[in-house]
Structure formats: C-alpha cells, structure tokens
Protein backbone atom coordinates (compact mmCIF):
# COMPACT_ATOMS: atom_id res chain seq x y z
CA UNK A 1 0.00 0.00 0.00
CA UNK A 2 2.91 2.33 -0.67
CA UNK A 3 0.68 4.39 -2.99
CA UNK A 4 -1.22 5.70 0.03
CA UNK A 5 0.60 9.01 0.22
CA UNK A 6 -2.10 11.65 0.68
CA UNK A 7 -4.76 12.18 3.32
CA UNK A 8 -7.23 15.05 3.68
CA UNK A 9 -8.81 16.05 6.98
CA UNK A 10 -12.01 17.70 5.79
CA UNK A 11 -13.53 19.16 8.97
CA UNK A 12 -10.94 19.32 11.72
CA UNK A 13 -12.43 22.37 13.44
CA UNK A 14 -12.96 20.30 16.59
CA UNK A 15 -9.27 19.50 17.11
CA UNK A 16 -7.65 21.31 20.04
CA UNK A 17 -4.11 21.03 18.63
CA UNK A 18 -4.45 20.60 14.86
CA UNK A 19 -0.84 21.54 14.08
CA UNK A 20 0.44 18.83 16.41
CA UNK A 21 -2.05 16.33 14.99
CA UNK A 22 -0.99 17.08 11.41
CA UNK A 23 2.67 16.77 12.41
CA UNK A 24 1.91 13.35 13.92
CA UNK A 25 0.10 12.21 10.77
CA UNK A 26 3.03 13.28 8.62
CA UNK A 27 5.14 10.64 10.34
CA UNK A 28 3.00 7.99 8.60
CA UNK A 29 1.58 9.82 5.53
CA UNK A 30 3.70 11.94 3.21
CA UNK A 31 1.05 14.56 2.38
CA UNK A 32 -1.56 15.82 4.86
CA UNK A 33 -4.13 18.42 3.84
CA UNK A 34 -6.01 20.03 6.74
CA UNK A 35 -9.28 21.96 6.50
CA UNK A 36 -11.27 23.34 9.43
CA UNK A 37 -14.48 22.82 7.47
CA UNK A 38 -15.66 21.61 4.09
CA UNK A 39 -19.00 22.36 2.47
CA UNK A 40 -20.63 19.75 0.21
CA UNK A 41 -19.49 21.54 -2.93
CA UNK A 42 -15.90 21.73 -1.64
CA UNK A 43 -15.39 18.01 -1.00
CA UNK A 44 -14.00 17.24 -4.46
CA UNK A 45 -11.58 20.19 -4.30
CA UNK A 46 -10.39 19.64 -0.73
CA UNK A 47 -9.90 15.88 -1.15
CA UNK A 48 -8.48 15.97 -4.68
CA UNK A 49 -5.77 13.36 -5.10
CA UNK A 50 -6.28 11.91 -1.62
CA UNK A 51 -6.54 8.17 -1.19
CA UNK A 52 -7.62 8.69 2.43
CA UNK A 53 -9.91 11.20 4.10
CA UNK A 54 -10.98 11.91 7.67
CA UNK A 55 -14.46 13.33 8.27
CA UNK A 56 -16.56 14.20 11.27
CA UNK A 57 -19.80 15.57 9.86
CA UNK A 58 -18.95 15.90 6.15
CA UNK A 59 -21.23 13.53 4.25
CA UNK A 60 -19.62 11.06 1.86
CA UNK A 61 -22.15 9.52 -0.51
CA UNK A 62 -22.33 8.40 -4.11
CA UNK A 63 -21.66 11.86 -5.58
CA UNK A 64 -18.62 12.43 -3.37
CA UNK A 65 -17.23 8.98 -4.16
CA UNK A 66 -17.74 9.60 -7.88
CA UNK A 67 -15.75 12.82 -7.55
CA UNK A 68 -12.92 11.06 -5.71
CA UNK A 69 -11.86 8.11 -7.89
CA UNK A 70 -8.66 7.53 -5.91
CA UNK A 71 -10.46 7.21 -2.57
CA UNK A 72 -9.63 4.03 -0.67
CA UNK A 73 -10.30 4.94 2.96
CA UNK A 74 -12.73 7.06 4.99
CA UNK A 75 -11.91 7.54 8.66
CA UNK A 76 -14.91 8.82 10.58
CA UNK A 77 -13.76 10.93 13.52
CA UNK A 78 -16.68 9.82 15.67
CA UNK A 79 -18.44 6.74 16.95
CA UNK A 80 -21.50 7.26 14.75
CA UNK A 81 -20.82 6.77 11.04
CA UNK A 82 -24.14 7.60 9.38
CA UNK A 83 -22.41 10.39 7.40
CA UNK A 84 -20.99 7.73 5.05
CA UNK A 85 -22.95 5.61 2.58
CA UNK A 86 -21.60 2.29 3.80
CA UNK A 87 -23.32 0.21 1.14
CA UNK A 88 -21.78 2.25 -1.67
CA UNK A 89 -18.39 2.29 0.03
CA UNK A 90 -18.48 -1.50 0.30
CA UNK A 91 -19.33 -1.84 -3.39
CA UNK A 92 -16.31 0.27 -4.29
CA UNK A 93 -13.92 -1.42 -1.90
CA UNK A 94 -13.55 1.71 0.23
CA UNK A 95 -12.73 0.91 3.85
CA UNK A 96 -14.65 2.92 6.46
CA UNK A 97 -13.58 3.05 10.10
CA UNK A 98 -14.92 4.74 13.21
CA UNK A 99 -13.70 5.50 16.73
CA UNK A 100 -15.63 3.44 19.29
CA UNK A 101 -15.92 4.20 22.98
CA UNK A 102 -13.64 7.25 23.14
CA UNK A 103 -16.24 9.53 24.77
CA UNK A 104 -18.10 7.15 27.09
CA UNK A 105 -17.21 8.94 30.33
CA UNK A 106 -17.59 12.37 28.77
CA UNK A 107 -21.13 11.69 27.55
CA UNK A 108 -22.16 9.94 30.75
CA UNK A 109 -21.13 12.91 32.90
CA UNK A 110 -23.00 15.27 30.56
CA UNK A 111 -26.15 13.25 31.17
CA UNK A 112 -25.77 13.90 34.87
CA UNK A 113 -24.95 17.55 34.29
CA UNK A 114 -28.44 17.84 32.78
CA UNK A 115 -30.03 15.73 35.49
CA UNK A 116 -28.41 17.62 38.36
CA UNK A 117 -29.26 21.00 36.85
CA UNK A 118 -32.92 20.00 36.68
CA UNK A 119 -32.75 18.62 40.23
CA UNK A 120 -30.96 21.56 41.90
CA UNK A 121 -31.25 24.49 39.42
CA UNK A 122 -27.73 25.67 40.24
CA UNK A 123 -27.41 28.01 37.25
CA UNK A 124 -30.78 29.68 37.85
CA UNK A 125 -29.96 30.37 41.50
CA UNK A 126 -26.50 31.67 40.65
CA UNK A 127 -27.99 34.05 38.07
CA UNK A 128 -30.59 35.24 40.59
CA UNK A 129 -27.82 36.03 43.08
CA UNK A 130 -25.93 37.98 40.40
CA UNK A 131 -29.10 40.04 40.03
CA UNK A 132 -29.28 40.78 43.78
CA UNK A 133 -31.86 38.23 44.93
CA UNK A 134 -29.87 37.02 47.95
CA UNK A 135 -29.04 40.53 49.08
CA UNK A 136 -32.74 41.37 49.07
CA UNK A 137 -33.73 38.14 50.83
CA UNK A 138 -34.75 38.54 54.53
CA UNK A 139 -33.61 34.98 55.30
CA UNK A 140 -30.30 33.14 55.14
CA UNK A 141 -31.49 31.14 52.13
CA UNK A 142 -34.04 31.12 49.35
CA UNK A 143 -35.08 28.82 46.52
CA UNK A 144 -36.69 29.62 43.20
CA UNK A 145 -38.27 26.21 42.68
CA UNK A 146 -38.59 22.88 44.51
CA UNK A 147 -35.34 20.91 44.65
CA UNK A 148 -35.01 17.13 44.44
CA UNK A 149 -32.72 14.33 45.56
CA UNK A 150 -31.74 11.67 43.05
CA UNK A 151 -31.65 8.89 45.65
CA UNK A 152 -34.60 6.52 45.20
CA UNK A 153 -35.64 8.15 41.94
CA UNK A 154 -35.94 5.89 38.89
CA UNK A 155 -33.85 6.42 35.79
CA UNK A 156 -34.84 4.81 32.50
CA UNK A 157 -31.98 4.15 30.08
CA UNK A 158 -32.87 3.54 26.43
CA UNK A 159 -29.89 1.80 24.85
CA UNK A 160 -27.48 -0.37 26.84
CA UNK A 161 -24.21 0.06 25.03
CA UNK A 162 -21.07 1.34 26.71
CA UNK A 163 -22.53 4.79 27.42
CA UNK A 164 -25.85 3.45 28.66
CA UNK A 165 -24.08 1.11 31.06
CA UNK A 166 -21.79 3.92 32.24
CA UNK A 167 -24.86 6.04 33.00
CA UNK A 168 -26.37 3.12 34.90
CA UNK A 169 -23.23 2.80 37.03
CA UNK A 170 -23.35 6.48 38.00
CA UNK A 171 -27.08 6.30 38.69
CA UNK A 172 -26.53 3.35 40.99
CA UNK A 173 -23.91 5.35 42.89
CA UNK A 174 -26.54 8.04 43.45
CA UNK A 175 -28.87 5.41 44.91
CA UNK A 176 -31.24 5.46 41.95
CA UNK A 177 -33.38 2.61 40.65
CA UNK A 178 -32.24 1.66 37.14
CA UNK A 179 -34.59 0.52 34.38
CA UNK A 180 -33.20 -0.17 30.93
CA UNK A 181 -34.39 -1.06 27.46
CA UNK A 182 -32.27 -2.38 24.61
CA UNK A 183 -32.82 -3.88 21.16
CA UNK A 184 -32.21 -7.30 22.70
CA UNK A 185 -31.86 -8.67 26.20
CA UNK A 186 -28.35 -8.28 27.58
CA UNK A 187 -26.61 -10.97 29.60
CA UNK A 188 -24.17 -10.48 32.46
CA UNK A 189 -25.46 -7.07 33.48
CA UNK A 190 -25.01 -5.77 37.04
CA UNK A 191 -27.87 -6.83 39.27
CA UNK A 192 -28.98 -3.24 39.78
CA UNK A 193 -30.08 -2.95 36.11
CA UNK A 194 -33.64 -4.14 35.44
CA UNK A 195 -34.44 -4.71 31.77
CA UNK A 196 -38.00 -3.82 30.77
CA UNK A 197 -40.10 -2.98 27.72
CA UNK A 198 -39.85 0.59 26.46
CA UNK A 199 -43.40 1.56 27.41
CA UNK A 200 -42.90 0.19 30.93
CA UNK A 201 -39.72 2.23 31.23
CA UNK A 202 -41.42 5.42 30.06
CA UNK A 203 -44.33 5.01 32.47
CA UNK A 204 -42.17 4.41 35.53
CA UNK A 205 -39.03 6.52 35.09
CA UNK A 206 -38.49 9.91 36.71
CA UNK A 207 -35.69 10.50 34.20
CA UNK A 208 -35.49 9.01 30.71
CA UNK A 209 -32.11 9.17 28.97
CA UNK A 210 -31.53 8.12 25.37
CA UNK A 211 -28.44 6.20 24.24
CA UNK A 212 -29.59 4.35 21.13
CA UNK A 213 -28.12 4.70 17.64
CA UNK A 214 -30.07 6.46 14.90
CA UNK A 215 -31.69 3.88 12.63
CA UNK A 216 -34.92 3.62 10.67
CA UNK A 217 -36.48 2.05 13.77
CA UNK A 218 -35.27 4.72 16.20
CA UNK A 219 -36.02 7.75 14.01
CA UNK A 220 -38.57 9.75 16.08
CA UNK A 221 -38.68 6.89 18.57
CA UNK A 222 -39.79 9.36 21.22
CA UNK A 223 -42.92 10.91 19.70
CA UNK A 224 -46.09 12.42 21.15
CA UNK A 225 -47.52 9.02 22.09
CA UNK A 226 -44.37 7.97 23.92
CA UNK A 227 -44.08 11.33 25.70
CA UNK A 228 -47.69 10.98 26.87
CA UNK A 229 -46.69 7.79 28.71
CA UNK A 230 -44.16 9.64 30.86
CA UNK A 231 -44.83 11.09 34.29
CA UNK A 232 -45.72 14.80 34.35
CA UNK A 233 -42.77 15.24 36.73
CA UNK A 234 -40.31 13.39 34.47
CA UNK A 235 -37.45 14.79 32.42
CA UNK A 236 -36.03 13.56 29.12
CA UNK A 237 -32.32 13.66 28.28
CA UNK A 238 -30.99 13.12 24.76
CA UNK A 239 -27.26 12.83 24.11
CA UNK A 240 -27.63 10.28 21.31
CA UNK A 241 -28.83 11.66 17.97
CA UNK A 242 -31.31 14.49 17.47
CA UNK A 243 -33.74 12.67 15.15
CA UNK A 244 -34.37 10.00 17.80
CA UNK A 245 -36.77 12.58 19.28
CA UNK A 246 -39.71 14.21 17.52
CA UNK A 247 -38.65 17.76 18.34
CA UNK A 248 -42.02 19.42 17.80
CA UNK A 249 -43.74 16.77 19.91
CA UNK A 250 -41.21 17.29 22.71
CA UNK A 251 -41.57 21.08 22.57
CA UNK A 252 -45.35 20.71 22.78
CA UNK A 253 -45.02 18.29 25.71
CA UNK A 254 -42.78 20.74 27.58
CA UNK A 255 -44.87 23.81 26.86
CA UNK A 256 -48.07 22.00 27.85
CA UNK A 257 -46.52 20.43 30.97
CA UNK A 258 -46.96 16.87 29.74
CA UNK A 259 -43.45 16.35 31.14
CA UNK A 260 -41.44 18.61 33.43
CA UNK A 261 -38.19 19.23 31.56
CA UNK A 262 -35.56 18.12 29.09
CA UNK A 263 -31.81 18.17 28.50
CA UNK A 264 -30.87 18.12 24.83
CA UNK A 265 -27.33 17.92 23.45
CA UNK A 266 -28.18 16.92 19.88
CA UNK A 267 -30.69 18.29 17.38
CA UNK A 268 -32.03 17.00 14.08
CA UNK A 269 -30.26 19.83 12.22
CA UNK A 270 -26.95 21.19 13.52
CA UNK A 271 -26.42 24.06 13.82
CA UNK A 272 -30.16 24.53 14.38
CA UNK A 273 -32.39 26.45 12.05
CA UNK A 274 -34.01 29.60 13.38
CA UNK A 275 -37.32 27.89 14.02
CA UNK A 276 -36.21 24.85 16.02
CA UNK A 277 -38.99 24.52 18.63
CA UNK A 278 -36.72 23.20 21.39
CA UNK A 279 -34.53 26.29 21.61
CA UNK A 280 -37.21 28.24 23.47
CA UNK A 281 -39.30 25.40 24.86
CA UNK A 282 -40.20 25.58 28.56
CA UNK A 283 -37.66 24.00 30.94
CA UNK A 284 -35.52 22.76 28.06
CA UNK A 285 -31.75 22.90 28.50
CA UNK A 286 -29.92 22.80 25.16
CA UNK A 287 -26.17 22.43 24.65
CA UNK A 288 -24.34 22.52 21.28
CA UNK A 289 -23.53 18.82 20.79
CA UNK A 290 -20.67 19.01 23.29
CA UNK A 291 -21.19 15.88 25.39
CA UNK A 292 -18.33 14.15 23.57
CA UNK A 293 -15.92 17.08 23.64
CA UNK A 294 -13.91 16.97 26.86
CA UNK A 295 -10.17 17.46 26.41
CA UNK A 296 -9.55 13.88 27.49
CA UNK A 297 -12.08 12.46 25.03
CA UNK A 298 -10.64 14.51 22.17
CA UNK A 299 -7.15 13.23 22.93
CA UNK A 300 -8.41 9.64 22.82
CA UNK A 301 -10.25 10.39 19.58
CA UNK A 302 -7.12 11.66 17.85
CA UNK A 303 -5.08 8.72 19.14
CA UNK A 304 -7.51 6.15 17.72
CA UNK A 305 -7.85 8.02 14.41
CA UNK A 306 -4.07 7.81 13.98
CA UNK A 307 -4.06 4.13 14.97
CA UNK A 308 -6.83 3.44 12.43
CA UNK A 309 -4.90 5.16 9.64
CA UNK A 310 -1.65 3.43 10.54
CA UNK A 311 -3.37 0.03 10.57
CA UNK A 312 -5.02 0.67 7.20
CA UNK A 313 -1.74 1.68 5.58
CA UNK A 314 -0.14 -1.47 7.02
CA UNK A 315 -2.84 -3.58 5.37
CA UNK A 316 -4.58 -4.70 8.56
CA UNK A 317 -7.42 -2.20 9.11
CA UNK A 318 -9.08 -1.99 12.52
CA UNK A 319 -12.42 -0.57 13.69
CA UNK A 320 -13.91 -1.25 10.26
CA UNK A 321 -17.67 -0.59 10.08
CA UNK A 322 -18.40 -1.81 6.55
C-alpha cells in the first residue's frame, strides 16, 4: 500500500491542537491536507488526489465517491458513522472506520450535568444572586423552585451500550433505581439494572435518557404518544442523535406540561435552524452537541484516528464498520 501518500482532513475544526495532529500524521503519511471545514461543494476540491480522508460531519455519498476516484479509505472521527454511505463504500472497496468508545465517560457525565441541573437548578440560583436576589432576601437562604434528591428516583436508560451502562453505574452510585431497554436482552449485566419494555420504562421513570443509535427504527422513537406515557414530573435527556426525538412533539409536551423538563445535546439539524422549537421550549436545557468534547475524550479520539490510519496503511485495518 505504498501508494497511500495523501490524506485530507475535511472538517478538523474540533481539534484542540491541529498543528500537532498534522505533524503526527506526517510521520505515517507523506502529504496531509487540513481543513477546518468543508462544504458539500468543496469536497472534491479539498480531497483531490487523496486516497484517504478523515471526516466528522462531512457527508460522503455516491456523488462524493464519484468525484474522488482515488479514494480508498474514509476515517470517521466519531463513533457514529451515518455520514458515510456504507453500502456504496463497500461496493467500491472503500474501507470505512470509526472510533468506538472514546467519549463514554464524557457523555455519561453530561447526562448527569443535565439531570443535576434539573434537580438543583444551580445556574438559575447563581444568576438570581448575580441580580441581587440574595441581598434582598430577609432569610439566610431562598429557593426559586422545589429541589429534588436523586436517591430513590428511577432512571430509565434507552440503549445499553457502553454509554448506557456507564450512566447506569453512575445512577446506581446516586442510589437510583435503574430501568433499561435495549434492542435485545443483555446478559451479564449488574444486578442493579432491570431490563423492561420501552413503554414500561417510560411510564415508571423519573428521568429518561436516550443512548440508542439512529436507525430507521429509532427515528422519532420518542414521539407524542411515547411522551404521553411519561410522568408529568419526568425529564427527558438526549445525548444520542437528534432525530431520535420528535422535536415538535417534545416542545409541545414541555410547553403543555406533559413532562417537566428536558436536557438536549443533539438536534435534528446542527447548527439549528431559526425555528427549532426546542430552543425556546419551557424547561428545556440545550447544549451545542458538546457531550463528547472533553479534552480527554478529544485526545483519545485523535489517538484512535491515527491508529486506524496506521493500521489501514499497514494492510490490517481496525475498527472497520463496513
């Protein structure tokens, strides 16, 4: 595979130290082209002559493959790889790899950042104090809204992969009851995880957190009917993929107090369009798809990307998804 002498990083905006990363890649690939971002009509230009490309959110489908006849390898800089047409890549003999498990702890702690904010409303109280509320208070303390303990609450985890199980472990440490639903029954789970049907989970959980991949079956998995099953005091957390939730249905459920709150890290369109109903929905915390992006997770991501490329060049590809 000595002809593999050019790689293009098409959307490396997320990298904390891109110059160092490029320097590292140049120890195994002669030519490295780096771009912070690439629009669909720039793919052919930015990846011209490259046998290998690395993408995060740049879509690589039939048209892009047609425009890149030398393409042999697509490294997806993420765990999810739905940006690549795997069927077409397989037909053309293009190897596609991903980076599994690099952000498990990062995503799991983001789930609890949402949960704890809804339980204790730390940010709202801090902002009130900045605006003088404590100085005006006649007592030593005040609260803007009822606060809650997590102990003895029930968390419902939809999707029992690495992240789902990491969330379950943290929930157990908080003294929570753990319900879980997966595509198939899992063996050898900790005894504190109770596997149940999805509707049973939704009806009984105080917190529902989503950790399933985006597929035809999970697209809008959480719709108006599913939201109506949840407790009016429950919150929904989504750190998986935006389209797993029917966004308009969730906004309606929040605004009409069908459920109490939500924590959303991913949207169906990113960045969001001006009219996304969740941005201003009642009691909806929204973060810009950052659950994966701790410094430690990014370092692991880069390390595995380099390992994937090195293995492909050596003729023994790893983390292949097609």
